[in-house]
Amino acid sequence: MTQVDHLTDLTWRTSSFTEDGGSNGGTCMQAAALPDGRVAVRNSNAPDAGVVLFTRAEMAAWVKGVKAGEFDDLI
């Protein structure tokens, strides 16, 4: 994880599948494109806790895996 101090001016995208309410007060992840081409991902419930950074290739592989159902057992 990296500190988010220098990432506050990014445009964060929130999933349209965000769950409102619930025992966690809503669950969501957010993603933002960085100027250097990487993608930052964070927990919207704790935006100051840190971010995970991915290259575009890593993010593409993740999205392909999600679409293919490779992580369905985790939910």
PDB file of N, CA and C in Angstrom:
ATOM      1  N   MET A   1       0.839  -1.164   0.000  1.00  0.00           N
ATOM      2  CA  MET A   1       0.000   0.000   0.000  1.00  0.00           C
ATOM      3  C   MET A   1       0.894   1.240   0.000  1.00  0.00           C
ATOM      4  N   THR A   2       0.370   2.292  -0.553  1.00  0.00           N
ATOM      5  CA  THR A   2       1.098   3.552  -0.588  1.00  0.00           C
ATOM      6  C   THR A   2       0.268   4.637   0.085  1.00  0.00           C
ATOM      7  N   GLN A   3       0.913   5.651   0.569  1.00  0.00           N
ATOM      8  CA  GLN A   3       0.180   6.756   1.189  1.00  0.00           C
ATOM      9  C   GLN A   3      -0.629   7.486   0.128  1.00  0.00           C
ATOM     10  N   VAL A   4      -1.764   8.028   0.517  1.00  0.00           N
ATOM     11  CA  VAL A   4      -2.651   8.678  -0.443  1.00  0.00           C
ATOM     12  C   VAL A   4      -2.499  10.195  -0.469  1.00  0.00           C
ATOM     13  N   ASP A   5      -1.557  10.743   0.256  1.00  0.00           N
ATOM     14  CA  ASP A   5      -1.417  12.195   0.337  1.00  0.00           C
ATOM     15  C   ASP A   5      -1.342  12.852  -1.034  1.00  0.00           C
ATOM     16  N   HIS A   6      -0.567  12.297  -1.922  1.00  0.00           N
ATOM     17  CA  HIS A   6      -0.380  12.887  -3.249  1.00  0.00           C
ATOM     18  C   HIS A   6      -1.439  12.419  -4.249  1.00  0.00           C
ATOM     19  N   LEU A   7      -2.409  11.644  -3.820  1.00  0.00           N
ATOM     20  CA  LEU A   7      -3.431  11.111  -4.716  1.00  0.00           C
ATOM     21  C   LEU A   7      -4.798  11.749  -4.487  1.00  0.00           C
ATOM     22  N   THR A   8      -4.865  12.793  -3.675  1.00  0.00           N
ATOM     23  CA  THR A   8      -6.159  13.373  -3.328  1.00  0.00           C
ATOM     24  C   THR A   8      -6.805  14.143  -4.465  1.00  0.00           C
ATOM     25  N   ASP A   9      -6.040  14.597  -5.434  1.00  0.00           N
ATOM     26  CA  ASP A   9      -6.599  15.375  -6.539  1.00  0.00           C
ATOM     27  C   ASP A   9      -7.074  14.506  -7.697  1.00  0.00           C
ATOM     28  N   LEU A  10      -7.063  13.209  -7.528  1.00  0.00           N
ATOM     29  CA  LEU A  10      -7.493  12.310  -8.598  1.00  0.00           C
ATOM     30  C   LEU A  10      -9.010  12.285  -8.717  1.00  0.00           C
ATOM     31  N   THR A  11      -9.480  11.891  -9.875  1.00  0.00           N
ATOM     32  CA  THR A  11     -10.906  11.677 -10.076  1.00  0.00           C
ATOM     33  C   THR A  11     -11.189  10.215  -9.788  1.00  0.00           C
ATOM     34  N   TRP A  12     -11.801   9.934  -8.655  1.00  0.00           N
ATOM     35  CA  TRP A  12     -12.086   8.570  -8.228  1.00  0.00           C
ATOM     36  C   TRP A  12     -13.420   8.126  -8.810  1.00  0.00           C
ATOM     37  N   ARG A  13     -13.443   6.946  -9.394  1.00  0.00           N
ATOM     38  CA  ARG A  13     -14.662   6.354  -9.939  1.00  0.00           C
ATOM     39  C   ARG A  13     -15.193   5.337  -8.939  1.00  0.00           C
ATOM     40  N   THR A  14     -16.487   5.435  -8.674  1.00  0.00           N
ATOM     41  CA  THR A  14     -17.145   4.529  -7.745  1.00  0.00           C
ATOM     42  C   THR A  14     -17.995   3.552  -8.531  1.00  0.00           C
ATOM     43  N   SER A  15     -17.913   2.301  -8.197  1.00  0.00           N
ATOM     44  CA  SER A  15     -18.696   1.270  -8.872  1.00  0.00           C
ATOM     45  C   SER A  15     -20.185   1.546  -8.773  1.00  0.00           C
ATOM     46  N   SER A  16     -20.899   1.330  -9.865  1.00  0.00           N
ATOM     47  CA  SER A  16     -22.355   1.486  -9.837  1.00  0.00           C
ATOM     48  C   SER A  16     -23.017   0.336  -9.088  1.00  0.00           C
ATOM     49  N   PHE A  17     -22.229  -0.674  -8.717  1.00  0.00           N
ATOM     50  CA  PHE A  17     -22.740  -1.807  -7.964  1.00  0.00           C
ATOM     51  C   PHE A  17     -22.520  -1.650  -6.465  1.00  0.00           C
ATOM     52  N   THR A  18     -22.228  -0.443  -6.022  1.00  0.00           N
ATOM     53  CA  THR A  18     -22.037  -0.159  -4.603  1.00  0.00           C
ATOM     54  C   THR A  18     -23.271  -0.563  -3.825  1.00  0.00           C
ATOM     55  N   GLU A  19     -23.059  -1.254  -2.718  1.00  0.00           N
ATOM     56  CA  GLU A  19     -24.161  -1.654  -1.851  1.00  0.00           C
ATOM     57  C   GLU A  19     -24.388  -0.565  -0.818  1.00  0.00           C
ATOM     58  N   ASP A  20     -25.565   0.021  -0.841  1.00  0.00           N
ATOM     59  CA  ASP A  20     -25.918   1.036   0.152  1.00  0.00           C
ATOM     60  C   ASP A  20     -26.523   0.370   1.378  1.00  0.00           C
ATOM     61  N   GLY A  21     -26.270   0.969   2.522  1.00  0.00           N
ATOM     62  CA  GLY A  21     -26.819   0.429   3.757  1.00  0.00           C
ATOM     63  C   GLY A  21     -26.030  -0.778   4.209  1.00  0.00           C
ATOM     64  N   GLY A  22     -26.717  -1.711   4.854  1.00  0.00           N
ATOM     65  CA  GLY A  22     -26.048  -2.900   5.344  1.00  0.00           C
ATOM     66  C   GLY A  22     -25.270  -2.635   6.610  1.00  0.00           C
ATOM     67  N   SER A  23     -24.722  -3.685   7.174  1.00  0.00           N
ATOM     68  CA  SER A  23     -24.029  -3.572   8.454  1.00  0.00           C
ATOM     69  C   SER A  23     -22.709  -2.818   8.333  1.00  0.00           C
ATOM     70  N   ASN A  24     -22.134  -2.731   7.127  1.00  0.00           N
ATOM     71  CA  ASN A  24     -20.867  -2.026   6.943  1.00  0.00           C
ATOM     72  C   ASN A  24     -21.065  -0.577   6.526  1.00  0.00           C
ATOM     73  N   GLY A  25     -22.328  -0.108   6.444  1.00  0.00           N
ATOM     74  CA  GLY A  25     -22.564   1.256   6.023  1.00  0.00           C
ATOM     75  C   GLY A  25     -22.328   1.445   4.540  1.00  0.00           C
ATOM     76  N   GLY A  26     -22.393   0.391   3.770  1.00  0.00           N
ATOM     77  CA  GLY A  26     -22.134   0.464   2.338  1.00  0.00           C
ATOM     78  C   GLY A  26     -20.762  -0.094   2.032  1.00  0.00           C
ATOM     79  N   THR A  27     -20.673  -0.876   1.021  1.00  0.00           N
ATOM     80  CA  THR A  27     -19.382  -1.435   0.636  1.00  0.00           C
ATOM     81  C   THR A  27     -19.055  -0.996  -0.776  1.00  0.00           C
ATOM     82  N   CYS A  28     -17.844  -0.588  -0.982  1.00  0.00           N
ATOM     83  CA  CYS A  28     -17.480  -0.101  -2.299  1.00  0.00           C
ATOM     84  C   CYS A  28     -15.976  -0.028  -2.471  1.00  0.00           C
ATOM     85  N   MET A  29     -15.584  -0.149  -3.702  1.00  0.00           N
ATOM     86  CA  MET A  29     -14.202   0.135  -4.069  1.00  0.00           C
ATOM     87  C   MET A  29     -14.232   1.280  -5.057  1.00  0.00           C
ATOM     88  N   GLN A  30     -13.138   2.021  -5.105  1.00  0.00           N
ATOM     89  CA  GLN A  30     -12.999   3.115  -6.048  1.00  0.00           C
ATOM     90  C   GLN A  30     -11.695   2.948  -6.809  1.00  0.00           C
ATOM     91  N   ALA A  31     -11.673   3.438  -8.035  1.00  0.00           N
ATOM     92  CA  ALA A  31     -10.473   3.371  -8.856  1.00  0.00           C
ATOM     93  C   ALA A  31     -10.241   4.728  -9.511  1.00  0.00           C
ATOM     94  N   ALA A  32      -8.961   5.041  -9.744  1.00  0.00           N
ATOM     95  CA  ALA A  32      -8.605   6.306 -10.390  1.00  0.00           C
ATOM     96  C   ALA A  32      -7.386   6.076 -11.277  1.00  0.00           C
ATOM     97  N   ALA A  33      -7.393   6.717 -12.428  1.00  0.00           N
ATOM     98  CA  ALA A  33      -6.240   6.663 -13.333  1.00  0.00           C
ATOM     99  C   ALA A  33      -5.188   7.657 -12.845  1.00  0.00           C
ATOM    100  N   LEU A  34      -3.945   7.216 -12.815  1.00  0.00           N
ATOM    101  CA  LEU A  34      -2.833   8.082 -12.421  1.00  0.00           C
ATOM    102  C   LEU A  34      -2.190   8.685 -13.668  1.00  0.00           C
ATOM    103  N   PRO A  35      -1.557   9.835 -13.537  1.00  0.00           N
ATOM    104  CA  PRO A  35      -0.915  10.469 -14.692  1.00  0.00           C
ATOM    105  C   PRO A  35       0.156   9.594 -15.360  1.00  0.00           C
ATOM    106  N   ASP A  36       0.769   8.703 -14.590  1.00  0.00           N
ATOM    107  CA  ASP A  36       1.818   7.845 -15.158  1.00  0.00           C
ATOM    108  C   ASP A  36       1.272   6.577 -15.812  1.00  0.00           C
ATOM    109  N   GLY A  37      -0.071   6.441 -15.872  1.00  0.00           N
ATOM    110  CA  GLY A  37      -0.680   5.298 -16.532  1.00  0.00           C
ATOM    111  C   GLY A  37      -1.130   4.188 -15.608  1.00  0.00           C
ATOM    112  N   ARG A  38      -0.693   4.209 -14.359  1.00  0.00           N
ATOM    113  CA  ARG A  38      -1.134   3.185 -13.421  1.00  0.00           C
ATOM    114  C   ARG A  38      -2.561   3.467 -12.959  1.00  0.00           C
ATOM    115  N   VAL A  39      -3.138   2.496 -12.257  1.00  0.00           N
ATOM    116  CA  VAL A  39      -4.491   2.629 -11.717  1.00  0.00           C
ATOM    117  C   VAL A  39      -4.409   2.453 -10.210  1.00  0.00           C
ATOM    118  N   ALA A  40      -5.004   3.378  -9.479  1.00  0.00           N
ATOM    119  CA  ALA A  40      -5.064   3.307  -8.023  1.00  0.00           C
ATOM    120  C   ALA A  40      -6.426   2.759  -7.626  1.00  0.00           C
ATOM    121  N   VAL A  41      -6.450   1.876  -6.629  1.00  0.00           N
ATOM    122  CA  VAL A  41      -7.697   1.301  -6.119  1.00  0.00           C
ATOM    123  C   VAL A  41      -7.700   1.502  -4.608  1.00  0.00           C
ATOM    124  N   ARG A  42      -8.870   1.896  -4.083  1.00  0.00           N
ATOM    125  CA  ARG A  42      -8.982   2.111  -2.641  1.00  0.00           C
ATOM    126  C   ARG A  42     -10.366   1.695  -2.142  1.00  0.00           C
ATOM    127  N   ASN A  43     -10.472   1.550  -0.835  1.00  0.00           N
ATOM    128  CA  ASN A  43     -11.730   1.268  -0.155  1.00  0.00           C
ATOM    129  C   ASN A  43     -12.406   2.607   0.106  1.00  0.00           C
ATOM    130  N   SER A  44     -13.612   2.805  -0.437  1.00  0.00           N
ATOM    131  CA  SER A  44     -14.283   4.089  -0.255  1.00  0.00           C
ATOM    132  C   SER A  44     -14.685   4.345   1.194  1.00  0.00           C
ATOM    133  N   ASN A  45     -14.799   3.304   1.999  1.00  0.00           N
ATOM    134  CA  ASN A  45     -15.142   3.474   3.414  1.00  0.00           C
ATOM    135  C   ASN A  45     -13.953   3.938   4.240  1.00  0.00           C
ATOM    136  N   ALA A  46     -12.755   3.784   3.711  1.00  0.00           N
ATOM    137  CA  ALA A  46     -11.537   4.202   4.410  1.00  0.00           C
ATOM    138  C   ALA A  46     -10.552   4.775   3.385  1.00  0.00           C
ATOM    139  N   PRO A  47     -10.903   5.876   2.729  1.00  0.00           N
ATOM    140  CA  PRO A  47     -10.076   6.398   1.646  1.00  0.00           C
ATOM    141  C   PRO A  47      -8.675   6.833   2.066  1.00  0.00           C
ATOM    142  N   ASP A  48      -8.485   7.158   3.322  1.00  0.00           N
ATOM    143  CA  ASP A  48      -7.170   7.576   3.797  1.00  0.00           C
ATOM    144  C   ASP A  48      -6.295   6.411   4.261  1.00  0.00           C
ATOM    145  N   ALA A  49      -6.832   5.196   4.213  1.00  0.00           N
ATOM    146  CA  ALA A  49      -6.092   4.028   4.694  1.00  0.00           C
ATOM    147  C   ALA A  49      -4.987   3.616   3.737  1.00  0.00           C
ATOM    148  N   GLY A  50      -5.076   4.014   2.494  1.00  0.00           N
ATOM    149  CA  GLY A  50      -4.059   3.669   1.515  1.00  0.00           C
ATOM    150  C   GLY A  50      -4.691   3.163   0.234  1.00  0.00           C
ATOM    151  N   VAL A  51      -3.854   2.982  -0.755  1.00  0.00           N
ATOM    152  CA  VAL A  51      -4.320   2.505  -2.055  1.00  0.00           C
ATOM    153  C   VAL A  51      -3.428   1.368  -2.521  1.00  0.00           C
ATOM    154  N   VAL A  52      -3.934   0.606  -3.451  1.00  0.00           N
ATOM    155  CA  VAL A  52      -3.142  -0.402  -4.128  1.00  0.00           C
ATOM    156  C   VAL A  52      -2.962   0.101  -5.558  1.00  0.00           C
ATOM    157  N   LEU A  53      -1.735   0.049  -6.067  1.00  0.00           N
ATOM    158  CA  LEU A  53      -1.444   0.536  -7.416  1.00  0.00           C
ATOM    159  C   LEU A  53      -1.233  -0.626  -8.363  1.00  0.00           C
ATOM    160  N   PHE A  54      -1.828  -0.515  -9.543  1.00  0.00           N
ATOM    161  CA  PHE A  54      -1.711  -1.532 -10.583  1.00  0.00           C
ATOM    162  C   PHE A  54      -1.243  -0.896 -11.877  1.00  0.00           C
ATOM    163  N   THR A  55      -0.473  -1.630 -12.665  1.00  0.00           N
ATOM    164  CA  THR A  55      -0.197  -1.188 -14.029  1.00  0.00           C
ATOM    165  C   THR A  55      -1.458  -1.440 -14.841  1.00  0.00           C
ATOM    166  N   ARG A  56      -1.538  -0.862 -16.025  1.00  0.00           N
ATOM    167  CA  ARG A  56      -2.708  -1.104 -16.875  1.00  0.00           C
ATOM    168  C   ARG A  56      -2.810  -2.582 -17.230  1.00  0.00           C
ATOM    169  N   ALA A  57      -1.674  -3.236 -17.469  1.00  0.00           N
ATOM    170  CA  ALA A  57      -1.682  -4.671 -17.800  1.00  0.00           C
ATOM    171  C   ALA A  57      -2.201  -5.496 -16.633  1.00  0.00           C
ATOM    172  N   GLU A  58      -1.786  -5.164 -15.413  1.00  0.00           N
ATOM    173  CA  GLU A  58      -2.277  -5.874 -14.230  1.00  0.00           C
ATOM    174  C   GLU A  58      -3.775  -5.667 -14.057  1.00  0.00           C
ATOM    175  N   MET A  59      -4.241  -4.432 -14.247  1.00  0.00           N
ATOM    176  CA  MET A  59      -5.665  -4.153 -14.104  1.00  0.00           C
ATOM    177  C   MET A  59      -6.463  -4.890 -15.177  1.00  0.00           C
ATOM    178  N   ALA A  60      -5.949  -4.940 -16.397  1.00  0.00           N
ATOM    179  CA  ALA A  60      -6.632  -5.659 -17.478  1.00  0.00           C
ATOM    180  C   ALA A  60      -6.748  -7.140 -17.148  1.00  0.00           C
ATOM    181  N   ALA A  61      -5.678  -7.726 -16.596  1.00  0.00           N
ATOM    182  CA  ALA A  61      -5.709  -9.140 -16.226  1.00  0.00           C
ATOM    183  C   ALA A  61      -6.728  -9.375 -15.111  1.00  0.00           C
ATOM    184  N   TRP A  62      -6.799  -8.482 -14.136  1.00  0.00           N
ATOM    185  CA  TRP A  62      -7.761  -8.597 -13.047  1.00  0.00           C
ATOM    186  C   TRP A  62      -9.190  -8.540 -13.584  1.00  0.00           C
ATOM    187  N   VAL A  63      -9.480  -7.549 -14.416  1.00  0.00           N
ATOM    188  CA  VAL A  63     -10.833  -7.396 -14.957  1.00  0.00           C
ATOM    189  C   VAL A  63     -11.226  -8.625 -15.784  1.00  0.00           C
ATOM    190  N   LYS A  64     -10.307  -9.134 -16.580  1.00  0.00           N
ATOM    191  CA  LYS A  64     -10.591 -10.343 -17.358  1.00  0.00           C
ATOM    192  C   LYS A  64     -10.909 -11.519 -16.441  1.00  0.00           C
ATOM    193  N   GLY A  65     -10.150 -11.666 -15.362  1.00  0.00           N
ATOM    194  CA  GLY A  65     -10.397 -12.742 -14.401  1.00  0.00           C
ATOM    195  C   GLY A  65     -11.746 -12.605 -13.724  1.00  0.00           C
ATOM    196  N   VAL A  66     -12.108 -11.362 -13.363  1.00  0.00           N
ATOM    197  CA  VAL A  66     -13.410 -11.119 -12.739  1.00  0.00           C
ATOM    198  C   VAL A  66     -14.528 -11.472 -13.714  1.00  0.00           C
ATOM    199  N   LYS A  67     -14.411 -11.001 -14.953  1.00  0.00           N
ATOM    200  CA  LYS A  67     -15.443 -11.295 -15.953  1.00  0.00           C
ATOM    201  C   LYS A  67     -15.567 -12.796 -16.227  1.00  0.00           C
ATOM    202  N   ALA A  68     -14.465 -13.520 -16.108  1.00  0.00           N
ATOM    203  CA  ALA A  68     -14.458 -14.957 -16.348  1.00  0.00           C
ATOM    204  C   ALA A  68     -14.955 -15.766 -15.148  1.00  0.00           C
ATOM    205  N   GLY A  69     -15.208 -15.073 -14.019  1.00  0.00           N
ATOM    206  CA  GLY A  69     -15.708 -15.757 -12.838  1.00  0.00           C
ATOM    207  C   GLY A  69     -14.636 -16.400 -11.984  1.00  0.00           C
ATOM    208  N   GLU A  70     -13.382 -16.055 -12.207  1.00  0.00           N
ATOM    209  CA  GLU A  70     -12.280 -16.683 -11.472  1.00  0.00           C
ATOM    210  C   GLU A  70     -12.252 -16.362  -9.978  1.00  0.00           C
ATOM    211  N   PHE A  71     -12.984 -15.336  -9.565  1.00  0.00           N
ATOM    212  CA  PHE A  71     -12.979 -14.931  -8.166  1.00  0.00           C
ATOM    213  C   PHE A  71     -14.345 -15.086  -7.514  1.00  0.00           C
ATOM    214  N   ASP A  72     -15.271 -15.724  -8.200  1.00  0.00           N
ATOM    215  CA  ASP A  72     -16.628 -15.863  -7.684  1.00  0.00           C
ATOM    216  C   ASP A  72     -16.691 -16.570  -6.337  1.00  0.00           C
ATOM    217  N   ASP A  73     -15.739 -17.430  -6.055  1.00  0.00           N
ATOM    218  CA  ASP A  73     -15.760 -18.150  -4.784  1.00  0.00           C
ATOM    219  C   ASP A  73     -15.394 -17.239  -3.602  1.00  0.00           C
ATOM    220  N   LEU A  74     -14.938 -16.041  -3.867  1.00  0.00           N
ATOM    221  CA  LEU A  74     -14.547 -15.118  -2.806  1.00  0.00           C
ATOM    222  C   LEU A  74     -15.703 -14.250  -2.338  1.00  0.00           C
ATOM    223  N   ILE A  75     -16.841 -14.331  -3.019  1.00  0.00           N
ATOM    224  CA  ILE A  75     -17.968 -13.480  -2.615  1.00  0.00           C
ATOM    225  C   ILE A  75     -19.114 -14.335  -2.096  1.00  0.00           C
TER     226      ILE A  75
END
